[in-house]
Protein backbone atom coordinates (compact mmCIF):
# COMPACT_ATOMS: atom_id res chain seq x y z
CA MET A 1 290.55 -29.55 198.45
CA ASN A 2 287.47 -29.97 196.13
CA THR A 3 285.35 -32.85 195.84
CA TYR A 4 284.96 -33.63 192.03
CA LEU A 5 287.23 -33.12 188.95
CA GLN A 6 286.12 -32.78 185.63
CA ILE A 7 289.60 -34.01 183.62
CA HIS A 8 288.51 -32.42 180.24
CA PRO A 9 285.44 -30.44 179.23
CA SER A 10 284.05 -32.90 176.52
CA ASP A 11 284.26 -35.64 179.52
CA ASN A 12 280.42 -37.01 180.58
CA VAL A 13 282.01 -38.40 183.90
CA LEU A 14 283.40 -36.72 187.14
CA VAL A 15 286.23 -38.29 189.11
CA ALA A 16 285.49 -38.33 192.64
CA LEU A 17 288.76 -36.49 194.76
CA GLN A 18 287.11 -37.87 197.86
CA ASP A 19 284.57 -40.58 199.41
CA ILE A 20 281.35 -39.10 198.51
CA PRO A 21 278.02 -40.19 200.26
CA ALA A 22 275.11 -41.61 198.65
CA GLY A 23 272.58 -38.65 198.03
CA THR A 24 275.03 -35.52 197.99
CA ASN A 25 273.76 -33.01 196.00
CA ILE A 26 276.21 -31.71 193.55
CA SER A 27 275.83 -28.77 190.92
CA PHE A 28 277.99 -28.71 188.27
CA ASN A 29 277.98 -26.69 184.80
CA GLY A 30 274.06 -26.20 185.07
CA HIS A 31 273.50 -29.87 185.78
CA ASP A 32 272.39 -30.59 189.43
CA ILE A 33 273.11 -34.42 190.34
CA GLN A 34 272.67 -36.71 192.86
CA THR A 35 274.80 -39.16 193.76
CA GLN A 36 273.12 -42.79 193.36
CA GLN A 37 275.28 -44.82 196.03
CA ASN A 38 278.59 -44.35 197.70
CA ILE A 39 281.19 -42.90 195.18
CA SER A 40 284.57 -43.75 196.76
CA ALA A 41 287.83 -41.28 195.86
CA LYS A 42 289.47 -42.24 192.43
CA HIS A 43 286.40 -43.54 190.72
CA LYS A 44 284.14 -41.94 188.54
CA PHE A 45 279.83 -40.97 187.94
CA LEU A 46 278.19 -39.71 185.45
CA ILE A 47 277.07 -35.99 184.98
CA GLU A 48 273.86 -37.42 182.92
CA ASP A 49 271.60 -40.46 182.23
CA ILE A 50 273.33 -42.35 179.06
CA GLN A 51 271.90 -45.37 177.60
CA ALA A 52 273.08 -49.05 176.76
CA GLY A 53 276.16 -48.19 173.70
CA ASP A 54 276.41 -44.76 174.86
CA PRO A 55 280.45 -44.05 174.84
CA ILE A 56 282.20 -42.92 178.06
CA THR A 57 284.50 -40.49 178.00
CA MET A 58 287.63 -39.33 179.81
CA TYR A 59 290.85 -37.50 179.24
CA GLY A 60 288.80 -36.26 175.88
CA VAL A 61 288.79 -39.81 174.36
CA LEU A 62 286.52 -43.02 174.15
CA VAL A 63 287.63 -44.98 177.17
CA GLY A 64 284.55 -47.25 177.14
CA LYS A 65 280.82 -47.78 176.44
CA ALA A 66 277.57 -48.73 178.60
CA ASN A 67 276.22 -51.98 178.14
CA LYS A 68 273.10 -50.73 179.93
CA THR A 69 271.44 -47.48 181.36
CA ILE A 70 273.50 -45.64 183.70
CA LEU A 71 271.47 -42.70 185.61
CA GLN A 72 273.64 -39.53 186.51
CA GLY A 73 275.35 -39.60 189.71
CA GLU A 74 275.65 -43.64 189.53
CA SER A 75 279.30 -44.70 189.71
CA ILE A 76 280.77 -46.68 186.64
CA THR A 77 282.03 -50.39 187.25
CA THR A 78 283.15 -53.44 185.57
CA GLU A 79 278.94 -54.38 185.55
CA ASN A 80 278.33 -51.43 183.99
CA VAL A 81 280.81 -50.45 181.49
CA ILE A 82 282.78 -52.25 178.79
CA HIS A 83 286.17 -51.55 177.36
CA ASP A 84 286.25 -49.43 174.40
CA ALA A 85 288.69 -47.58 172.36
CA ASN A 86 289.09 -45.07 169.15
CA ALA A 87 290.64 -46.62 166.23
CA PHE A 88 293.90 -45.46 164.88
CA HIS A 89 294.94 -44.78 161.39
CA GLU A 90 297.90 -42.84 159.62
CA LYS A 91 299.05 -39.81 160.69
CA ASP A 92 296.48 -36.91 159.60
CA SER A 93 297.80 -34.05 161.57
CA SER A 94 300.96 -32.47 162.96
CA LEU A 95 302.03 -31.11 166.46
CA GLU A 96 303.00 -27.45 167.00
CA TRP A 97 304.89 -27.67 170.48
CA GLN A 98 304.99 -24.79 173.03
CA ALA A 99 308.14 -25.89 174.44
CA PRO A 100 308.02 -24.85 178.30
CA ASP A 101 310.10 -22.13 179.65
CA VAL A 102 313.16 -23.66 180.71
CA SER A 103 315.43 -20.82 181.07
CA LYS A 104 316.10 -21.36 184.69
CA TRP A 105 317.85 -24.80 184.12
CA LYS A 106 320.08 -23.58 180.81
CA ASP A 107 323.01 -23.36 182.83
CA ARG A 108 322.37 -26.01 185.32
CA SER A 109 324.31 -29.13 185.33
CA PHE A 110 324.69 -32.37 186.80
CA MET A 111 327.78 -34.52 188.29
CA GLY A 112 328.14 -37.67 186.04
CA TYR A 113 330.66 -40.05 184.59
CA HIS A 114 331.46 -39.16 181.20
CA ARG A 115 331.87 -42.28 178.83
CA ASN A 116 334.44 -42.54 175.63
CA ASP A 117 331.62 -42.67 173.51
CA GLY A 118 329.65 -39.39 174.77
CA GLN A 119 326.92 -41.18 177.05
CA VAL A 120 327.17 -39.66 181.01
CA GLY A 121 326.34 -41.99 183.76
CA THR A 122 324.37 -40.85 186.95
CA ARG A 123 326.06 -43.67 188.62
CA ASN A 124 329.11 -46.48 188.16
CA TYR A 125 328.55 -49.97 188.15
CA TRP A 126 329.92 -52.74 187.27
CA LEU A 127 327.89 -55.94 185.70
CA VAL A 128 328.46 -59.62 186.06
CA ILE A 129 325.90 -61.32 183.71
CA PRO A 130 325.32 -65.29 182.90
CA LEU A 131 324.48 -65.89 178.91
CA VAL A 132 322.39 -68.79 180.38
CA PHE A 133 320.50 -69.92 183.35
CA CYS A 134 322.62 -72.61 183.86
CA GLU A 135 325.56 -70.19 185.22
CA ASN A 136 323.17 -68.53 187.29
CA ARG A 137 324.40 -70.24 190.47
CA ASN A 138 328.07 -69.45 189.45
CA VAL A 139 326.91 -65.60 189.89
CA SER A 140 325.75 -66.00 193.00
CA VAL A 141 328.95 -67.39 194.00
CA ILE A 142 330.89 -64.23 192.77
CA LYS A 143 327.99 -62.00 194.12
CA THR A 144 328.59 -63.67 197.92
CA ALA A 145 332.20 -62.98 197.70
CA PHE A 146 332.52 -59.67 196.00
CA GLU A 147 329.18 -57.70 197.95
CA LYS A 148 330.85 -59.28 201.43
CA GLY A 149 334.40 -58.76 200.87
CA LEU A 150 334.14 -55.10 199.15
CA GLY A 151 331.07 -54.06 201.66
CA PHE A 152 328.45 -53.89 199.19
CA ALA A 153 326.17 -56.51 200.70
CA PRO A 154 322.58 -55.15 202.40
CA ALA A 155 322.68 -55.15 205.95
CA GLU A 156 321.60 -58.50 207.17
CA VAL A 157 318.40 -57.17 209.72
CA TYR A 158 316.68 -60.03 208.71
CA ASN A 159 319.46 -62.41 209.66
CA GLU A 160 320.01 -60.83 213.23
CA GLN A 161 316.27 -61.40 213.69
CA VAL A 162 316.27 -64.82 213.18
CA THR A 163 319.48 -65.30 215.40
CA ASP A 164 317.32 -63.58 218.78
CA LEU A 165 313.94 -65.68 217.85
CA VAL A 166 316.95 -68.79 217.78
CA ASN A 167 318.49 -67.50 220.79
CA LEU A 168 315.30 -66.79 222.95
CA TYR A 169 313.59 -70.24 221.54
CA LYS A 170 316.70 -72.21 222.71
CA SER A 171 316.59 -70.23 226.36
CA GLY A 172 313.44 -71.83 226.76
CA ASN A 173 311.79 -68.32 226.48
CA LEU A 174 308.91 -68.96 223.98
CA ASP A 175 306.77 -65.92 225.52
CA ALA A 176 309.89 -63.63 224.63
CA VAL A 177 309.87 -65.06 221.17
CA LYS A 178 305.70 -64.42 220.81
CA ASN A 179 306.39 -60.50 221.87
CA TYR A 180 309.72 -59.66 220.26
CA GLU A 181 309.64 -56.34 218.13
CA ALA A 182 312.27 -56.03 215.65
CA GLY A 183 314.44 -52.64 215.62
CA ALA A 184 313.63 -49.88 213.12
CA LEU A 185 315.73 -50.49 209.54
CA THR A 186 318.19 -47.71 209.63
CA GLU A 187 319.92 -46.63 206.36
CA THR A 188 322.79 -48.62 205.30
CA ASP A 189 323.61 -47.90 201.67
CA LYS A 190 327.20 -46.26 202.48
CA ARG A 191 329.89 -45.75 199.82
CA ASN A 192 332.11 -48.44 199.68
CA PRO A 193 335.74 -47.63 201.08
CA VAL A 194 337.77 -49.88 199.03
CA PHE A 195 336.82 -48.17 195.70
CA PRO A 196 334.63 -44.97 196.47
CA ASN A 197 334.04 -44.30 192.93
CA ILE A 198 332.37 -46.92 192.34
CA ASP A 199 328.57 -47.58 193.54
CA GLY A 200 328.62 -51.11 193.37
CA ILE A 201 328.64 -54.45 190.99
CA LYS A 202 325.63 -55.59 189.99
CA PHE A 203 324.70 -59.33 188.90
CA LEU A 204 321.68 -59.23 185.91
CA THR A 205 320.42 -63.59 187.00
CA HIS A 206 317.66 -64.56 184.38
CA GLU A 207 315.73 -67.69 183.50
CA GLY A 208 316.90 -67.43 179.66
CA GLY A 209 319.35 -68.05 177.15
CA CYS A 210 318.04 -71.38 175.70
CA GLY A 211 315.46 -73.41 175.90
CA GLY A 212 313.16 -70.97 174.07
CA THR A 213 313.43 -70.14 170.67
CA ARG A 214 316.31 -68.53 169.34
CA GLN A 215 314.69 -65.39 168.80
CA ASP A 216 314.74 -65.24 172.86
CA SER A 217 317.96 -65.61 173.44
CA ASP A 218 318.74 -62.99 170.54
CA ALA A 219 316.74 -60.63 172.24
CA LEU A 220 318.12 -61.60 175.22
CA CYS A 221 321.62 -60.65 174.27
CA ALA A 222 320.70 -57.32 172.49
CA LEU A 223 318.92 -56.50 175.92
CA LEU A 224 322.13 -57.30 178.01
CA ALA A 225 324.55 -55.46 175.21
CA GLY A 226 322.04 -52.35 176.10
CA TYR A 227 323.03 -52.93 179.72
CA ILE A 228 326.76 -53.25 179.06
CA HIS A 229 326.81 -49.90 176.77
CA HIS A 230 325.20 -48.23 179.07
CA SER A 231 326.19 -45.13 180.48
CA ASN A 232 326.02 -46.47 184.13
CA VAL A 233 328.52 -49.30 183.56
CA ALA A 234 332.38 -49.35 183.91
CA GLY A 235 332.37 -53.02 181.96
CA ALA A 236 330.92 -56.46 182.45
CA THR A 237 332.22 -60.15 183.49
CA ILE A 238 330.04 -62.52 181.80
CA LEU A 239 329.87 -66.21 182.50
CA SER A 240 328.71 -68.47 179.58
CA LEU A 241 328.19 -72.43 179.98
CA GLY A 242 329.46 -72.75 175.60
CA CYS A 243 326.63 -75.00 174.42
CA GLN A 244 323.42 -72.57 174.40
CA HIS A 245 321.83 -70.28 172.74
CA ALA A 246 322.67 -66.84 173.37
CA GLN A 247 326.30 -67.26 172.39
CA VAL A 248 329.57 -64.91 173.00
CA SER A 249 329.24 -63.62 169.49
CA ILE A 250 325.72 -62.70 169.55
CA LEU A 251 326.22 -60.64 172.18
CA GLN A 252 329.85 -59.32 170.61
CA GLU A 253 328.07 -58.49 167.68
CA SER A 254 325.11 -56.33 169.45
CA LEU A 255 327.64 -54.80 171.18
CA LYS A 256 329.06 -53.68 167.95
CA LYS A 257 325.95 -52.69 166.20
CA LEU A 258 325.25 -50.61 169.48
CA ASN A 259 328.72 -49.02 168.99
CA PRO A 260 331.13 -50.02 166.48
CA ASN A 261 334.02 -48.57 168.15
CA PHE A 262 333.02 -50.32 171.70
CA ASN A 263 335.68 -50.39 174.16
CA LYS A 264 334.33 -51.21 177.40
CA PRO A 265 336.10 -53.46 179.46
CA VAL A 266 334.28 -57.22 178.62
CA LEU A 267 335.78 -60.32 180.77
CA VAL A 268 334.51 -63.38 179.37
CA TYR A 269 334.73 -67.01 181.00
CA GLU A 270 333.48 -70.07 179.72
CA GLN A 271 333.04 -73.27 181.99
CA GLN A 272 333.11 -75.65 179.26
CA LYS A 273 336.37 -74.32 178.02
CA SER A 274 337.46 -74.18 181.89
CA PRO A 275 340.06 -76.77 183.83
CA SER A 276 337.35 -76.56 186.62
CA GLU A 277 334.53 -74.50 187.58
CA PHE A 278 337.10 -73.41 190.85
CA ALA A 279 339.46 -72.14 188.21
CA MET A 280 336.89 -70.25 186.32
CA LEU A 281 335.56 -68.42 189.24
CA SER A 282 338.47 -67.79 190.64
CA ALA A 283 339.98 -66.33 187.68
CA ALA A 284 337.05 -64.27 187.27
CA ILE A 285 337.23 -63.14 190.44
CA LYS A 286 340.93 -61.81 190.03
CA ASP A 287 340.36 -60.38 186.83
CA THR A 288 337.12 -58.73 187.72
CA PHE A 289 338.80 -57.33 191.08
CA LEU A 290 341.59 -55.91 188.89
CA ALA A 291 339.21 -54.17 186.43
CA LEU A 292 337.67 -52.54 189.22
CA VAL A 293 340.91 -50.85 190.53
CA GLU A 294 340.72 -49.46 186.80
CA ALA A 295 336.92 -48.40 186.93
CA ASN A 296 337.73 -46.29 189.96
CA LYS A 297 339.76 -43.85 188.53
CA GLN A 298 336.70 -42.82 186.86
CA SER A 299 334.81 -39.70 188.89
CA ARG A 300 331.93 -37.40 188.59
CA GLN A 301 332.05 -34.08 186.32
CA PRO A 302 329.87 -31.62 185.19
CA ALA A 303 327.41 -32.91 182.64
CA PRO A 304 324.82 -30.66 180.90
CA LEU A 305 321.50 -31.77 181.22
CA SER A 306 320.69 -32.55 177.99
CA LYS A 307 322.59 -35.81 178.38
CA LEU A 308 320.05 -37.01 180.89
CA VAL A 309 318.45 -39.90 179.25
CA ILE A 310 314.71 -40.62 181.84
CA GLY A 311 312.68 -43.73 181.84
CA LEU A 312 308.87 -43.00 182.22
CA GLU A 313 306.89 -45.86 184.38
CA CYS A 314 303.96 -46.63 186.18
CA GLY A 315 302.73 -49.23 188.14
CA GLY A 316 300.28 -50.15 190.61
CA SER A 317 298.11 -47.55 189.03
CA ASP A 318 295.28 -45.77 190.55
CA GLY A 319 292.28 -43.55 189.73
CA PHE A 320 295.01 -40.69 190.59
CA SER A 321 297.34 -41.26 188.67
CA GLY A 322 296.19 -39.77 185.27
CA ILE A 323 296.07 -36.81 187.60
CA SER A 324 298.66 -36.19 189.52
CA ALA A 325 301.71 -38.66 189.14
CA ASN A 326 301.60 -38.93 185.49
CA PRO A 327 301.05 -35.57 184.18
CA ALA A 328 303.66 -34.10 186.66
CA VAL A 329 305.96 -36.32 185.62
CA GLY A 330 304.71 -35.46 181.63
CA HIS A 331 305.42 -32.04 182.29
CA THR A 332 309.49 -33.20 183.84
CA SER A 333 309.58 -34.91 180.16
CA ASP A 334 308.55 -31.61 178.63
CA LEU A 335 311.51 -29.93 180.73
CA ILE A 336 313.53 -32.01 180.16
CA VAL A 337 313.12 -32.35 175.93
CA ALA A 338 313.25 -28.78 176.11
CA LEU A 339 316.60 -29.00 177.44
CA GLY A 340 317.68 -31.18 174.68
CA GLY A 341 317.41 -34.33 176.96
CA THR A 342 315.59 -37.80 176.24
CA SER A 343 312.63 -39.64 177.70
CA ILE A 344 311.10 -42.90 176.90
CA LEU A 345 308.02 -43.88 177.22
CA SER A 346 307.33 -47.61 177.22
CA GLU A 347 303.95 -50.24 177.89
CA PHE A 348 302.78 -50.20 174.59
CA PRO A 349 299.57 -52.23 175.71
CA GLU A 350 299.16 -49.04 178.60
CA LEU A 351 298.72 -46.42 175.35
CA CYS A 352 295.66 -48.13 173.69
CA GLY A 353 293.23 -45.55 172.94
CA VAL A 354 295.51 -42.64 172.58
CA GLU A 355 297.51 -44.09 169.74
CA GLN A 356 296.06 -41.06 167.08
CA GLU A 357 297.29 -38.35 169.26
CA LEU A 358 300.74 -39.76 169.56
CA ILE A 359 300.49 -40.64 166.04
CA ASN A 360 299.86 -36.88 164.72
CA ARG A 361 302.91 -35.69 167.41
CA CYS A 362 305.52 -38.41 165.91
CA GLN A 363 307.91 -35.99 163.76
CA ASN A 364 307.02 -37.30 160.47
CA ASP A 365 305.66 -40.60 158.51
CA THR A 366 308.13 -42.95 158.71
CA THR A 367 308.05 -42.73 162.73
CA SER A 368 304.67 -42.57 162.67
CA ASP A 369 304.37 -46.07 160.66
CA LYS A 370 306.92 -48.09 163.09
CA PHE A 371 304.40 -46.99 166.06
CA ILE A 372 301.64 -48.13 163.81
CA ARG A 373 303.55 -51.29 163.03
CA ILE A 374 304.27 -52.38 166.22
CA MET A 375 300.59 -51.71 168.02
CA ARG A 376 298.92 -53.52 165.15
CA ALA A 377 301.07 -56.40 165.73
CA TYR A 378 301.47 -56.52 169.40
CA GLU A 379 297.38 -56.19 169.90
CA ASN A 380 297.73 -59.32 166.88
CA GLN A 381 299.64 -61.61 168.87
CA ALA A 382 297.50 -60.99 171.96
CA GLN A 383 294.33 -62.18 170.42
CA SER A 384 295.89 -64.85 168.66
CA VAL A 385 295.82 -66.60 172.40
CA GLY A 386 292.59 -65.71 173.28
CA SER A 387 293.44 -62.33 174.91
CA GLY A 388 294.15 -58.38 174.51
CA PHE A 389 294.95 -55.25 175.36
CA TYR A 390 291.59 -54.90 177.29
CA MET A 391 292.65 -57.51 179.53
CA ASN A 392 295.63 -55.54 180.96
CA PRO A 393 293.82 -53.83 184.15
CA SER A 394 294.65 -55.66 187.02
CA PRO A 395 292.16 -55.95 190.58
CA GLY A 396 294.25 -53.51 191.83
CA ASN A 397 293.89 -50.87 188.86
CA ILE A 398 290.22 -51.87 188.18
CA LYS A 399 289.49 -51.90 192.58
CA ASP A 400 291.37 -48.10 192.69
CA GLY A 401 288.54 -46.75 189.84
CA LEU A 402 290.42 -47.83 186.63
CA ILE A 403 288.08 -50.10 185.38
CA THR A 404 289.12 -50.36 181.56
CA ASP A 405 292.27 -50.50 180.02
CA ALA A 406 291.25 -47.47 177.86
CA ILE A 407 291.07 -45.68 181.10
CA LYS A 408 294.21 -46.94 182.66
CA SER A 409 295.93 -46.24 178.89
CA ALA A 410 294.60 -42.61 178.84
CA GLY A 411 296.16 -41.64 182.25
CA ALA A 412 299.12 -43.68 181.65
CA ALA A 413 300.44 -41.38 178.47
CA LYS A 414 299.95 -38.51 180.27
CA LYS A 415 303.57 -39.39 181.76
CA GLY A 416 304.85 -39.02 177.55
CA GLY A 417 304.11 -35.03 178.49
CA THR A 418 302.85 -32.76 175.19
CA SER A 419 306.24 -32.43 173.17
CA PRO A 420 306.48 -34.18 169.70
CA VAL A 421 307.67 -37.76 169.40
CA THR A 422 311.22 -38.18 167.67
CA ASP A 423 311.40 -42.21 167.49
CA VAL A 424 309.95 -45.15 167.87
CA LEU A 425 311.92 -47.91 169.90
CA ASP A 426 311.15 -51.49 168.92
CA TYR A 427 311.98 -53.78 172.13
CA THR A 428 315.43 -53.82 172.85
CA GLU A 429 316.82 -50.93 170.77
CA TYR A 430 318.77 -48.07 172.11
CA VAL A 431 317.93 -44.71 172.17
CA THR A 432 319.78 -42.10 169.56
CA LYS A 433 317.58 -39.42 169.30
CA PRO A 434 316.90 -36.85 171.78
CA GLY A 435 313.35 -35.73 172.69
CA LEU A 436 310.54 -38.30 173.30
CA ASN A 437 310.93 -41.82 172.43
CA LEU A 438 308.43 -44.61 172.35
CA LEU A 439 309.65 -48.08 173.33
CA CYS A 440 307.75 -50.96 172.87
CA THR A 441 307.80 -53.18 175.86
CA PRO A 442 305.12 -54.84 177.98
CA GLY A 443 303.13 -52.89 181.07
CA ASN A 444 304.43 -55.51 183.16
CA ASP A 445 306.48 -52.86 185.54
CA VAL A 446 309.70 -55.14 186.01
CA GLU A 447 309.65 -56.35 182.37
CA SER A 448 308.91 -52.78 181.23
CA THR A 449 311.83 -50.73 183.61
CA SER A 450 314.26 -53.51 182.40
CA ALA A 451 313.79 -52.27 179.30
CA GLU A 452 313.88 -48.88 179.30
CA VAL A 453 317.03 -49.04 181.15
CA GLY A 454 318.30 -51.24 178.35
CA SER A 455 317.68 -48.35 176.03
CA GLY A 456 319.31 -46.09 177.82
CA ALA A 457 317.56 -44.74 180.54
CA ASN A 458 320.10 -43.31 183.44
CA VAL A 459 317.38 -42.52 185.71
CA VAL A 460 313.74 -43.81 185.90
CA LEU A 461 310.75 -41.92 187.40
CA PHE A 462 308.14 -44.43 188.62
CA THR A 463 304.43 -43.60 189.74
CA THR A 464 302.33 -45.63 191.35
CA GLY A 465 299.03 -45.73 193.47
CA LEU A 466 298.84 -48.45 195.32
CA GLY A 467 302.61 -48.92 196.07
CA THR A 468 305.34 -50.97 194.10
CA PRO A 469 308.77 -51.32 195.25
CA THR A 470 310.02 -52.24 192.06
CA GLY A 471 313.49 -50.78 191.13
CA ASN A 472 316.55 -51.71 188.50
CA PRO A 473 320.23 -53.16 188.90
CA ILE A 474 321.86 -49.94 187.17
CA SER A 475 319.70 -46.94 186.86
CA PRO A 476 318.16 -45.53 190.40
CA VAL A 477 314.37 -45.13 190.12
CA VAL A 478 312.34 -42.74 191.42
CA LYS A 479 309.07 -43.65 192.87
CA LEU A 480 306.12 -41.37 193.23
CA ALA A 481 303.40 -41.94 195.04
CA THR A 482 299.91 -40.33 193.48
CA ASN A 483 298.32 -39.55 196.52
CA THR A 484 299.29 -38.56 199.96
CA LYS A 485 297.78 -41.34 202.03
CA LEU A 486 299.88 -43.97 199.81
CA ALA A 487 303.26 -41.66 200.49
CA THR A 488 302.63 -41.59 204.10
CA ARG A 489 301.72 -45.31 204.59
CA MET A 490 304.51 -46.58 202.41
CA LYS A 491 307.37 -43.69 202.86
CA ASP A 492 310.17 -46.60 202.95
CA ILE A 493 309.58 -46.94 199.51
CA ILE A 494 308.57 -43.83 198.07
CA ASP A 495 310.23 -40.46 196.99
CA ILE A 496 308.25 -38.22 196.35
CA ASN A 497 304.15 -37.49 197.36
CA THR A 498 302.50 -36.15 194.23
CA GLY A 499 299.23 -36.12 196.38
CA THR A 500 299.69 -32.44 196.91
CA ILE A 501 298.61 -32.04 193.76
CA ILE A 502 295.43 -33.74 194.18
CA SER A 503 294.58 -31.43 197.83
CA GLY A 504 294.96 -28.47 195.48
CA GLU A 505 298.37 -27.24 197.21
CA GLN A 506 300.68 -27.59 193.96
CA SER A 507 299.96 -27.23 190.62
CA ILE A 508 301.11 -29.99 187.96
CA ALA A 509 303.36 -27.55 186.97
CA GLU A 510 305.23 -26.73 189.95
CA MET A 511 305.59 -30.45 190.92
CA GLY A 512 307.21 -31.00 187.63
CA GLU A 513 309.77 -28.63 188.39
CA ASP A 514 310.20 -30.07 191.69
CA ILE A 515 310.42 -33.89 190.20
CA LEU A 516 313.44 -32.11 188.18
CA GLU A 517 315.52 -30.86 191.00
CA PHE A 518 314.96 -33.90 192.64
CA VAL A 519 316.55 -35.87 189.47
CA ILE A 520 319.09 -33.85 189.07
CA ARG A 521 320.02 -34.24 192.73
CA THR A 522 319.51 -38.32 192.01
CA ALA A 523 321.50 -38.30 189.01
CA SER A 524 324.31 -35.99 190.66
CA GLY A 525 324.90 -39.12 193.19
CA GLU A 526 323.38 -36.63 196.50
CA VAL A 527 320.37 -38.71 196.42
CA ARG A 528 320.12 -42.42 196.62
CA THR A 529 316.70 -43.53 196.10
CA LYS A 530 314.67 -45.67 198.30
CA ALA A 531 315.12 -48.60 195.52
CA GLU A 532 318.47 -47.86 195.86
CA GLN A 533 318.51 -48.13 199.56
CA LEU A 534 316.63 -51.12 199.71
CA HIS A 535 319.13 -52.76 197.01
CA GLN A 536 315.70 -53.41 194.66
CA ASP A 537 317.43 -54.82 191.92
CA ASP A 538 314.74 -55.74 189.35
CA PHE A 539 315.34 -57.17 186.15
CA ILE A 540 313.34 -59.34 183.84
CA PRO A 541 314.12 -59.84 180.19
CA TRP A 542 310.99 -60.34 178.03
CA LYS A 543 310.64 -62.94 176.09
CA ARG A 544 308.51 -61.89 173.44
CA GLY A 545 305.53 -63.64 173.76
CA VAL A 546 301.93 -62.06 175.32
CA SER A 547 302.91 -60.25 178.30
CA LEU A 548 300.83 -57.23 178.62
């Protein structure tokens, strides 16, 4: 395994691939470098001396500038480097893309659920959704009834632990309580015997629908419409209070915008028009059960890989993200695009500094101009409340080598591969064009993943360097570790280890191909991701305020 890596020939820093002790002598491209202090794996050190105001370059782009003299072999930190990034402007060149060879996948298919509108789902779910937070409790009542009644409920392993502890305590055996060890968690995600063709009933509770701006409610309805319209959804049960901002009519209008011929079953119940809460919930349960009978008649059928819509997401990123998991996922995205499929790259605050590259990858000026407009509006909104994209890196990011937003962004953008940008989507807009789509979302893991799925992603590839358990209610989220230590330590949440790229055991292209094979198996229902097994159903709508 190599000790260090220069990512791009023009970079003036090297990335430590393993811990490098102080005083280590490194010979690199004619430079004799001696490390000035211990360099932790994932962190960066200078190839030559630089002065205050000089640029820091990684991935071939500006990612910061020195605020003091930094010596050759010295680590860059938040104390000696501040955020800086290249400005961006209108499209000034065009991409000539060399698509990867996809001949061995040309005749491949996955087993999916074919919808009347031409979409193909990788799962078959029924949704129960409140239009306003006032109905969350009622949704919870339906959830308990259906999950326990149909066997979709997760195993109550932790309840059993508490019962054991209570019994030991009641018997007066406090020492046994102190020495109690829980049994190993076993696989519990099994197919339901009543409705074998239904993957589950999912419940999208949230804190919106009223009390915010009308724009918040409109955006919520648009997002919920995206979930109902989604290829992985057979239909939905809607609970409305009646007086809230997020009216049923707004949801219906949003569904018509997505598909004028929308014909999925949507069952609506309004509490303020019902004789009682009991009557409303009883009707909702009975009608939903009958709808499940119909939804269960759908079964998996072969579908071309062009029907895959892949979300590209990261969370808990580290200094290896941009050189292992993210570029590997980027190659998978290129393969899927070359096969006629679709990928979605989001998290606009984490595209800071690489905007010009993405602008020049846009297929036309209309697309690039939309990206410029959305990015500038988002940054201005952040600055108006005293923030900015430069404040995006989290303490965990910084601790593991991502010390400026531009460093984080340059690595994060690698998830988008190298293909042309076919479309730019504002928040809640649904994908309509195959190829790489850019979707405006925050960098917040759950808000962004929720949005990617709401825009049509039927599988999400989620890279993490620190370990993030994020999942989604209706689309399988494949978790990819950037390093082997994480994959070993948190194997209960990690599906794929890309640390083999860091160790030199696999190339980025080889790993990208392996990921595609895993996606095909996941899309066909052969694999249930770790997030699915853990019932990790995260869902957070984005209030269009400042969230990075």
